[in-house]
Amino acid sequence: MNLNIVLFQPEIPQNTGNIARTCVLTNSKLHLIKPLGFSLEEKHLRRAGLDYWQYLDLELHESYEAFRNKYKEGNFYFSTTKGKKFYTEVQYKKGDFIVFGRESSGLPDSIRNSNLENLIRIPMLETSTRSLNLSNTVSIFAYEALRQMNFPDMK
């Protein structure tokens, strides 16, 4: 396993399906923190993940607290438009966790405020739109981390 991709309370099944497909093709584990805004049986989720779903390394967590208690020793980064560092300014290692917030509201203040040194972002133009689509953001972060690791086990 190369990376741990963590979705905090995801809301849109198509995004999660696309992210699941990215995880399979990058040998990354997908962590979903409940509550989810959809059922894992939803057809939109399965369609976006296509035939990759059966190969997904997936772990469900009842809460953020339960997730962090399980992975106390993990190295965590948090994707947020409020981050001071660009995602390219950190040195990723195999097994790192990259946490992404809800599509509608991002990560809660409590999570951001307790992880200020590890908040990272993608540079974007300042416009009236909020941010990039979640599945696009995950791909950008994942491939930068994998590039830094020299694309382990990838052709």
N, C-alpha and C. Protein backbone atom coordinates (compact mmCIF):
# COMPACT_ATOMS: atom_id res chain seq x y z
N MET A 1 0.85 -1.18 0.00
CA MET A 1 0.00 0.00 0.00
C MET A 1 0.89 1.24 0.00
N ASN A 2 0.58 2.16 -0.91
CA ASN A 2 1.41 3.37 -1.05
C ASN A 2 0.93 4.51 -0.17
N LEU A 3 -0.35 4.85 -0.24
CA LEU A 3 -0.92 5.97 0.50
C LEU A 3 -2.21 5.55 1.18
N ASN A 4 -2.62 6.36 2.15
CA ASN A 4 -3.94 6.25 2.76
C ASN A 4 -4.72 7.50 2.39
N ILE A 5 -5.77 7.32 1.60
CA ILE A 5 -6.64 8.42 1.21
C ILE A 5 -7.85 8.38 2.14
N VAL A 6 -8.13 9.49 2.82
CA VAL A 6 -9.18 9.53 3.83
C VAL A 6 -10.23 10.55 3.43
N LEU A 7 -11.48 10.10 3.35
CA LEU A 7 -12.59 11.01 3.06
C LEU A 7 -13.42 11.18 4.32
N PHE A 8 -13.46 12.41 4.81
CA PHE A 8 -14.25 12.73 6.00
C PHE A 8 -15.68 13.01 5.56
N GLN A 9 -16.58 12.13 5.94
CA GLN A 9 -18.02 12.27 5.69
C GLN A 9 -18.34 12.67 4.24
N PRO A 10 -17.89 11.87 3.27
CA PRO A 10 -18.17 12.21 1.86
C PRO A 10 -19.67 12.22 1.58
N GLU A 11 -20.07 13.08 0.64
CA GLU A 11 -21.49 13.29 0.36
C GLU A 11 -21.94 12.84 -1.02
N ILE A 12 -21.03 12.78 -1.97
CA ILE A 12 -21.41 12.54 -3.36
C ILE A 12 -20.85 11.20 -3.82
N PRO A 13 -21.74 10.24 -4.14
CA PRO A 13 -21.27 8.90 -4.47
C PRO A 13 -20.36 8.84 -5.70
N GLN A 14 -20.62 9.67 -6.69
CA GLN A 14 -19.78 9.65 -7.89
C GLN A 14 -18.34 10.03 -7.56
N ASN A 15 -18.16 11.02 -6.70
CA ASN A 15 -16.80 11.40 -6.29
C ASN A 15 -16.11 10.24 -5.60
N THR A 16 -16.81 9.61 -4.66
CA THR A 16 -16.21 8.50 -3.93
C THR A 16 -15.89 7.34 -4.87
N GLY A 17 -16.76 7.08 -5.84
CA GLY A 17 -16.49 6.04 -6.83
C GLY A 17 -15.25 6.34 -7.65
N ASN A 18 -15.12 7.58 -8.10
CA ASN A 18 -13.93 7.98 -8.85
C ASN A 18 -12.67 7.87 -8.00
N ILE A 19 -12.77 8.28 -6.75
CA ILE A 19 -11.63 8.20 -5.84
C ILE A 19 -11.26 6.75 -5.57
N ALA A 20 -12.26 5.89 -5.43
CA ALA A 20 -12.00 4.46 -5.23
C ALA A 20 -11.20 3.90 -6.41
N ARG A 21 -11.58 4.28 -7.60
CA ARG A 21 -10.87 3.81 -8.80
C ARG A 21 -9.43 4.30 -8.78
N THR A 22 -9.22 5.56 -8.41
CA THR A 22 -7.86 6.09 -8.31
C THR A 22 -7.06 5.31 -7.26
N CYS A 23 -7.69 5.00 -6.14
CA CYS A 23 -7.00 4.25 -5.08
C CYS A 23 -6.56 2.88 -5.58
N VAL A 24 -7.42 2.18 -6.28
CA VAL A 24 -7.06 0.86 -6.80
C VAL A 24 -5.86 0.97 -7.73
N LEU A 25 -5.88 1.95 -8.63
CA LEU A 25 -4.84 2.07 -9.65
C LEU A 25 -3.54 2.69 -9.14
N THR A 26 -3.54 3.16 -7.89
CA THR A 26 -2.32 3.70 -7.29
C THR A 26 -1.88 2.89 -6.07
N ASN A 27 -2.53 1.75 -5.83
CA ASN A 27 -2.24 0.92 -4.66
C ASN A 27 -2.35 1.71 -3.37
N SER A 28 -3.44 2.44 -3.24
CA SER A 28 -3.70 3.25 -2.06
C SER A 28 -4.94 2.72 -1.34
N LYS A 29 -4.95 2.85 -0.04
CA LYS A 29 -6.09 2.42 0.75
C LYS A 29 -7.06 3.58 0.90
N LEU A 30 -8.35 3.30 0.79
CA LEU A 30 -9.38 4.32 0.96
C LEU A 30 -10.05 4.14 2.32
N HIS A 31 -10.06 5.22 3.09
CA HIS A 31 -10.73 5.25 4.39
C HIS A 31 -11.93 6.18 4.27
N LEU A 32 -13.09 5.70 4.68
CA LEU A 32 -14.30 6.53 4.68
C LEU A 32 -14.75 6.71 6.11
N ILE A 33 -14.90 7.97 6.53
CA ILE A 33 -15.34 8.29 7.88
C ILE A 33 -16.82 8.64 7.85
N LYS A 34 -17.60 7.91 8.61
CA LYS A 34 -19.05 8.10 8.68
C LYS A 34 -19.41 9.35 9.46
N PRO A 35 -20.63 9.88 9.23
CA PRO A 35 -21.66 9.33 8.34
C PRO A 35 -21.37 9.65 6.88
N LEU A 36 -21.77 8.73 6.02
CA LEU A 36 -21.66 8.92 4.58
C LEU A 36 -22.96 9.53 4.07
N GLY A 37 -22.87 10.30 3.03
CA GLY A 37 -24.06 10.94 2.45
C GLY A 37 -24.76 10.04 1.44
N PHE A 38 -24.45 8.75 1.45
CA PHE A 38 -24.99 7.81 0.47
C PHE A 38 -24.76 6.39 1.00
N SER A 39 -25.36 5.43 0.34
CA SER A 39 -25.15 4.02 0.66
C SER A 39 -24.00 3.49 -0.18
N LEU A 40 -23.21 2.61 0.37
CA LEU A 40 -22.13 1.99 -0.40
C LEU A 40 -22.67 1.07 -1.49
N GLU A 41 -23.94 0.80 -1.46
CA GLU A 41 -24.58 -0.03 -2.49
C GLU A 41 -25.13 0.82 -3.63
N GLU A 42 -25.06 2.14 -3.51
CA GLU A 42 -25.65 3.03 -4.50
C GLU A 42 -25.06 2.81 -5.88
N LYS A 43 -25.93 2.77 -6.90
CA LYS A 43 -25.47 2.45 -8.26
C LYS A 43 -24.52 3.50 -8.82
N HIS A 44 -24.68 4.77 -8.44
CA HIS A 44 -23.77 5.81 -8.93
C HIS A 44 -22.34 5.57 -8.43
N LEU A 45 -22.22 5.11 -7.22
CA LEU A 45 -20.92 4.80 -6.63
C LEU A 45 -20.28 3.65 -7.39
N ARG A 46 -21.01 2.60 -7.59
CA ARG A 46 -20.49 1.41 -8.29
C ARG A 46 -20.16 1.74 -9.75
N ARG A 47 -20.99 2.54 -10.40
CA ARG A 47 -20.75 2.88 -11.80
C ARG A 47 -19.47 3.69 -11.94
N ALA A 48 -19.25 4.62 -11.04
CA ALA A 48 -18.03 5.44 -11.10
C ALA A 48 -16.79 4.59 -10.84
N GLY A 49 -16.91 3.60 -9.96
CA GLY A 49 -15.78 2.72 -9.66
C GLY A 49 -15.62 1.59 -10.66
N LEU A 50 -16.62 1.40 -11.51
CA LEU A 50 -16.64 0.36 -12.53
C LEU A 50 -16.25 -0.99 -11.93
N ASP A 51 -15.47 -1.75 -12.67
CA ASP A 51 -15.11 -3.08 -12.21
C ASP A 51 -13.91 -3.06 -11.26
N TYR A 52 -13.49 -1.88 -10.85
CA TYR A 52 -12.36 -1.77 -9.93
C TYR A 52 -12.79 -1.98 -8.48
N TRP A 53 -14.07 -1.83 -8.19
CA TRP A 53 -14.55 -1.82 -6.80
C TRP A 53 -14.12 -3.06 -6.02
N GLN A 54 -14.14 -4.22 -6.67
CA GLN A 54 -13.80 -5.46 -5.98
C GLN A 54 -12.34 -5.51 -5.55
N TYR A 55 -11.49 -4.69 -6.13
CA TYR A 55 -10.07 -4.67 -5.79
C TYR A 55 -9.70 -3.59 -4.78
N LEU A 56 -10.68 -2.82 -4.38
CA LEU A 56 -10.43 -1.68 -3.49
C LEU A 56 -10.08 -2.14 -2.08
N ASP A 57 -9.04 -1.56 -1.52
CA ASP A 57 -8.69 -1.74 -0.11
C ASP A 57 -9.43 -0.64 0.64
N LEU A 58 -10.56 -0.99 1.24
CA LEU A 58 -11.48 -0.03 1.85
C LEU A 58 -11.61 -0.28 3.34
N GLU A 59 -11.60 0.79 4.09
CA GLU A 59 -11.84 0.69 5.53
C GLU A 59 -12.85 1.77 5.92
N LEU A 60 -13.89 1.35 6.63
CA LEU A 60 -14.91 2.27 7.14
C LEU A 60 -14.64 2.58 8.60
N HIS A 61 -14.88 3.83 8.98
CA HIS A 61 -14.68 4.26 10.37
C HIS A 61 -15.95 4.91 10.87
N GLU A 62 -16.35 4.60 12.07
CA GLU A 62 -17.58 5.12 12.66
C GLU A 62 -17.50 6.62 12.94
N SER A 63 -16.29 7.11 13.22
CA SER A 63 -16.11 8.53 13.54
C SER A 63 -14.66 8.92 13.28
N TYR A 64 -14.42 10.23 13.24
CA TYR A 64 -13.06 10.73 13.09
C TYR A 64 -12.22 10.32 14.29
N GLU A 65 -12.79 10.38 15.46
CA GLU A 65 -12.07 10.03 16.69
C GLU A 65 -11.64 8.56 16.66
N ALA A 66 -12.54 7.68 16.24
CA ALA A 66 -12.21 6.25 16.15
C ALA A 66 -11.09 6.03 15.13
N PHE A 67 -11.16 6.73 14.02
CA PHE A 67 -10.13 6.64 13.00
C PHE A 67 -8.76 7.07 13.55
N ARG A 68 -8.70 8.23 14.19
CA ARG A 68 -7.42 8.73 14.72
C ARG A 68 -6.89 7.86 15.84
N ASN A 69 -7.79 7.30 16.67
CA ASN A 69 -7.34 6.39 17.73
C ASN A 69 -6.72 5.13 17.15
N LYS A 70 -7.23 4.66 16.04
CA LYS A 70 -6.69 3.45 15.41
C LYS A 70 -5.32 3.71 14.79
N TYR A 71 -5.10 4.90 14.28
CA TYR A 71 -3.86 5.22 13.58
C TYR A 71 -3.08 6.33 14.30
N LYS A 72 -2.87 6.15 15.58
CA LYS A 72 -2.19 7.16 16.40
C LYS A 72 -0.79 7.51 15.88
N GLU A 73 -0.12 6.56 15.34
CA GLU A 73 1.27 6.77 14.90
C GLU A 73 1.38 7.22 13.44
N GLY A 74 0.28 7.43 12.78
CA GLY A 74 0.31 7.80 11.37
C GLY A 74 0.80 9.21 11.14
N ASN A 75 1.27 9.45 9.93
CA ASN A 75 1.69 10.78 9.49
C ASN A 75 0.55 11.35 8.65
N PHE A 76 -0.05 12.46 9.10
CA PHE A 76 -1.27 12.98 8.50
C PHE A 76 -1.06 14.34 7.85
N TYR A 77 -1.69 14.51 6.68
CA TYR A 77 -1.80 15.80 6.01
C TYR A 77 -3.29 16.05 5.76
N PHE A 78 -3.68 17.32 5.76
CA PHE A 78 -5.08 17.68 5.66
C PHE A 78 -5.27 18.67 4.52
N SER A 79 -6.07 18.28 3.54
CA SER A 79 -6.34 19.12 2.38
C SER A 79 -7.41 20.14 2.73
N THR A 80 -7.07 21.42 2.56
CA THR A 80 -8.01 22.48 2.85
C THR A 80 -7.62 23.75 2.09
N THR A 81 -8.61 24.48 1.64
CA THR A 81 -8.33 25.76 0.99
C THR A 81 -7.74 26.75 1.98
N LYS A 82 -7.82 26.46 3.27
CA LYS A 82 -7.29 27.35 4.31
C LYS A 82 -5.85 27.02 4.70
N GLY A 83 -5.24 26.04 4.02
CA GLY A 83 -3.85 25.68 4.31
C GLY A 83 -2.89 26.77 3.89
N LYS A 84 -1.78 26.86 4.59
CA LYS A 84 -0.74 27.85 4.25
C LYS A 84 0.29 27.27 3.28
N LYS A 85 0.51 25.96 3.34
CA LYS A 85 1.51 25.31 2.49
C LYS A 85 0.84 24.70 1.26
N PHE A 86 1.56 24.77 0.14
CA PHE A 86 1.11 24.05 -1.05
C PHE A 86 1.37 22.56 -0.86
N TYR A 87 0.58 21.76 -1.52
CA TYR A 87 0.71 20.30 -1.43
C TYR A 87 2.07 19.81 -1.92
N THR A 88 2.77 20.61 -2.70
CA THR A 88 4.10 20.25 -3.21
C THR A 88 5.22 20.58 -2.22
N GLU A 89 4.91 21.24 -1.13
CA GLU A 89 5.92 21.68 -0.17
C GLU A 89 6.17 20.68 0.95
N VAL A 90 5.52 19.55 0.92
CA VAL A 90 5.75 18.54 1.95
C VAL A 90 6.41 17.33 1.32
N GLN A 91 7.09 16.55 2.14
CA GLN A 91 7.75 15.33 1.69
C GLN A 91 6.91 14.13 2.10
N TYR A 92 6.24 13.53 1.14
CA TYR A 92 5.36 12.39 1.41
C TYR A 92 6.19 11.12 1.51
N LYS A 93 5.69 10.21 2.34
CA LYS A 93 6.31 8.91 2.50
C LYS A 93 5.25 7.83 2.35
N LYS A 94 5.70 6.65 2.01
CA LYS A 94 4.80 5.51 1.88
C LYS A 94 4.01 5.36 3.18
N GLY A 95 2.70 5.18 3.05
CA GLY A 95 1.84 4.99 4.22
C GLY A 95 1.27 6.26 4.80
N ASP A 96 1.66 7.44 4.28
CA ASP A 96 1.10 8.70 4.79
C ASP A 96 -0.41 8.73 4.58
N PHE A 97 -1.08 9.49 5.43
CA PHE A 97 -2.52 9.70 5.35
C PHE A 97 -2.78 11.11 4.81
N ILE A 98 -3.63 11.21 3.80
CA ILE A 98 -4.05 12.51 3.30
C ILE A 98 -5.56 12.57 3.49
N VAL A 99 -6.01 13.54 4.29
CA VAL A 99 -7.40 13.64 4.70
C VAL A 99 -8.10 14.75 3.92
N PHE A 100 -9.28 14.43 3.39
CA PHE A 100 -10.06 15.37 2.60
C PHE A 100 -11.43 15.55 3.25
N GLY A 101 -11.96 16.77 3.23
CA GLY A 101 -13.24 17.07 3.86
C GLY A 101 -14.44 16.84 2.96
N ARG A 102 -15.59 17.18 3.50
CA ARG A 102 -16.86 17.07 2.77
C ARG A 102 -16.86 17.96 1.53
N GLU A 103 -17.58 17.53 0.53
CA GLU A 103 -17.70 18.33 -0.69
C GLU A 103 -18.34 19.69 -0.41
N SER A 104 -19.31 19.74 0.48
CA SER A 104 -20.05 20.99 0.70
C SER A 104 -19.36 21.94 1.67
N SER A 105 -18.59 21.42 2.61
CA SER A 105 -18.06 22.30 3.66
C SER A 105 -16.61 22.05 4.05
N GLY A 106 -15.95 21.11 3.43
CA GLY A 106 -14.56 20.84 3.76
C GLY A 106 -14.41 20.18 5.13
N LEU A 107 -13.24 20.39 5.72
CA LEU A 107 -12.97 19.84 7.05
C LEU A 107 -13.50 20.78 8.12
N PRO A 108 -14.01 20.23 9.22
CA PRO A 108 -14.49 21.09 10.31
C PRO A 108 -13.34 21.87 10.96
N ASP A 109 -13.68 23.01 11.55
CA ASP A 109 -12.68 23.84 12.25
C ASP A 109 -11.92 23.03 13.28
N SER A 110 -12.59 22.14 14.00
CA SER A 110 -11.93 21.37 15.07
C SER A 110 -10.78 20.53 14.52
N ILE A 111 -10.96 19.94 13.36
CA ILE A 111 -9.88 19.13 12.76
C ILE A 111 -8.77 20.04 12.25
N ARG A 112 -9.15 21.09 11.56
CA ARG A 112 -8.12 22.02 11.04
C ARG A 112 -7.33 22.65 12.17
N ASN A 113 -8.00 23.13 13.19
CA ASN A 113 -7.32 23.83 14.28
C ASN A 113 -6.38 22.95 15.08
N SER A 114 -6.63 21.66 15.11
CA SER A 114 -5.75 20.76 15.86
C SER A 114 -4.64 20.18 14.98
N ASN A 115 -4.55 20.61 13.74
CA ASN A 115 -3.52 20.09 12.81
C ASN A 115 -2.92 21.21 11.96
N LEU A 116 -2.75 22.38 12.53
CA LEU A 116 -2.35 23.57 11.76
C LEU A 116 -1.07 23.38 10.95
N GLU A 117 -0.11 22.65 11.47
CA GLU A 117 1.17 22.48 10.77
C GLU A 117 1.07 21.57 9.56
N ASN A 118 0.00 20.80 9.47
CA ASN A 118 -0.13 19.83 8.38
C ASN A 118 -1.29 20.13 7.43
N LEU A 119 -1.71 21.39 7.40
CA LEU A 119 -2.75 21.81 6.45
C LEU A 119 -2.08 22.15 5.12
N ILE A 120 -2.54 21.52 4.06
CA ILE A 120 -1.94 21.76 2.75
C ILE A 120 -3.05 22.04 1.73
N ARG A 121 -2.66 22.75 0.66
CA ARG A 121 -3.66 23.15 -0.32
C ARG A 121 -3.09 23.15 -1.73
N ILE A 122 -4.00 23.21 -2.68
CA ILE A 122 -3.66 23.35 -4.09
C ILE A 122 -3.81 24.83 -4.42
N PRO A 123 -2.82 25.43 -5.08
CA PRO A 123 -2.98 26.84 -5.46
C PRO A 123 -4.08 26.99 -6.51
N MET A 124 -4.91 28.00 -6.34
CA MET A 124 -6.00 28.27 -7.28
C MET A 124 -6.18 29.78 -7.40
N LEU A 125 -6.80 30.19 -8.48
CA LEU A 125 -7.18 31.59 -8.62
C LEU A 125 -8.25 31.91 -7.58
N GLU A 126 -8.24 33.13 -7.11
CA GLU A 126 -9.30 33.55 -6.20
C GLU A 126 -10.48 34.00 -7.04
N THR A 127 -11.57 33.24 -6.93
CA THR A 127 -12.79 33.53 -7.68
C THR A 127 -13.97 33.33 -6.75
N SER A 128 -15.13 33.46 -7.29
CA SER A 128 -16.33 33.24 -6.48
C SER A 128 -16.64 31.76 -6.30
N THR A 129 -15.96 30.89 -7.07
CA THR A 129 -16.17 29.46 -6.89
C THR A 129 -15.35 28.99 -5.69
N ARG A 130 -15.76 27.89 -5.10
CA ARG A 130 -15.13 27.43 -3.86
C ARG A 130 -13.80 26.75 -4.08
N SER A 131 -13.80 25.65 -4.81
CA SER A 131 -12.57 24.89 -4.98
C SER A 131 -12.76 23.84 -6.07
N LEU A 132 -11.69 23.11 -6.33
CA LEU A 132 -11.75 22.03 -7.31
C LEU A 132 -12.66 20.90 -6.82
N ASN A 133 -13.12 20.08 -7.75
CA ASN A 133 -13.89 18.90 -7.42
C ASN A 133 -13.05 17.97 -6.55
N LEU A 134 -13.69 17.30 -5.59
CA LEU A 134 -12.98 16.44 -4.65
C LEU A 134 -12.19 15.34 -5.34
N SER A 135 -12.79 14.66 -6.29
CA SER A 135 -12.04 13.56 -6.92
C SER A 135 -10.84 14.07 -7.71
N ASN A 136 -10.94 15.26 -8.31
CA ASN A 136 -9.78 15.86 -8.98
C ASN A 136 -8.70 16.21 -7.97
N THR A 137 -9.10 16.76 -6.84
CA THR A 137 -8.15 17.14 -5.80
C THR A 137 -7.40 15.93 -5.27
N VAL A 138 -8.13 14.86 -5.00
CA VAL A 138 -7.48 13.64 -4.51
C VAL A 138 -6.44 13.15 -5.52
N SER A 139 -6.78 13.16 -6.79
CA SER A 139 -5.84 12.71 -7.82
C SER A 139 -4.59 13.57 -7.86
N ILE A 140 -4.75 14.86 -7.76
CA ILE A 140 -3.59 15.77 -7.78
C ILE A 140 -2.67 15.47 -6.61
N PHE A 141 -3.22 15.38 -5.41
CA PHE A 141 -2.42 15.08 -4.22
C PHE A 141 -1.75 13.71 -4.33
N ALA A 142 -2.53 12.70 -4.72
CA ALA A 142 -1.99 11.34 -4.77
C ALA A 142 -0.83 11.24 -5.75
N TYR A 143 -0.98 11.81 -6.91
CA TYR A 143 0.08 11.68 -7.90
C TYR A 143 1.32 12.51 -7.55
N GLU A 144 1.17 13.60 -6.84
CA GLU A 144 2.36 14.31 -6.36
C GLU A 144 3.08 13.46 -5.32
N ALA A 145 2.35 12.88 -4.40
CA ALA A 145 2.97 12.02 -3.37
C ALA A 145 3.66 10.83 -4.04
N LEU A 146 3.01 10.21 -4.99
CA LEU A 146 3.60 9.07 -5.68
C LEU A 146 4.81 9.47 -6.52
N ARG A 147 4.75 10.64 -7.13
CA ARG A 147 5.91 11.14 -7.89
C ARG A 147 7.11 11.28 -6.97
N GLN A 148 6.88 11.85 -5.77
CA GLN A 148 7.98 12.01 -4.81
C GLN A 148 8.56 10.66 -4.39
N MET A 149 7.74 9.63 -4.39
CA MET A 149 8.18 8.27 -4.02
C MET A 149 8.68 7.49 -5.22
N ASN A 150 8.81 8.15 -6.37
CA ASN A 150 9.25 7.53 -7.61
C ASN A 150 8.28 6.46 -8.10
N PHE A 151 6.98 6.71 -7.94
CA PHE A 151 5.90 5.85 -8.41
C PHE A 151 6.14 4.38 -8.05
N PRO A 152 6.14 4.06 -6.77
CA PRO A 152 6.44 2.68 -6.33
C PRO A 152 5.47 1.65 -6.92
N ASP A 153 6.03 0.58 -7.44
CA ASP A 153 5.27 -0.54 -7.99
C ASP A 153 4.36 -0.14 -9.15
N MET A 154 4.62 0.98 -9.78
CA MET A 154 3.79 1.43 -10.89
C MET A 154 4.60 1.43 -12.18
N LYS A 155 3.92 1.15 -13.28
CA LYS A 155 4.59 1.16 -14.59
C LYS A 155 4.53 2.53 -15.19
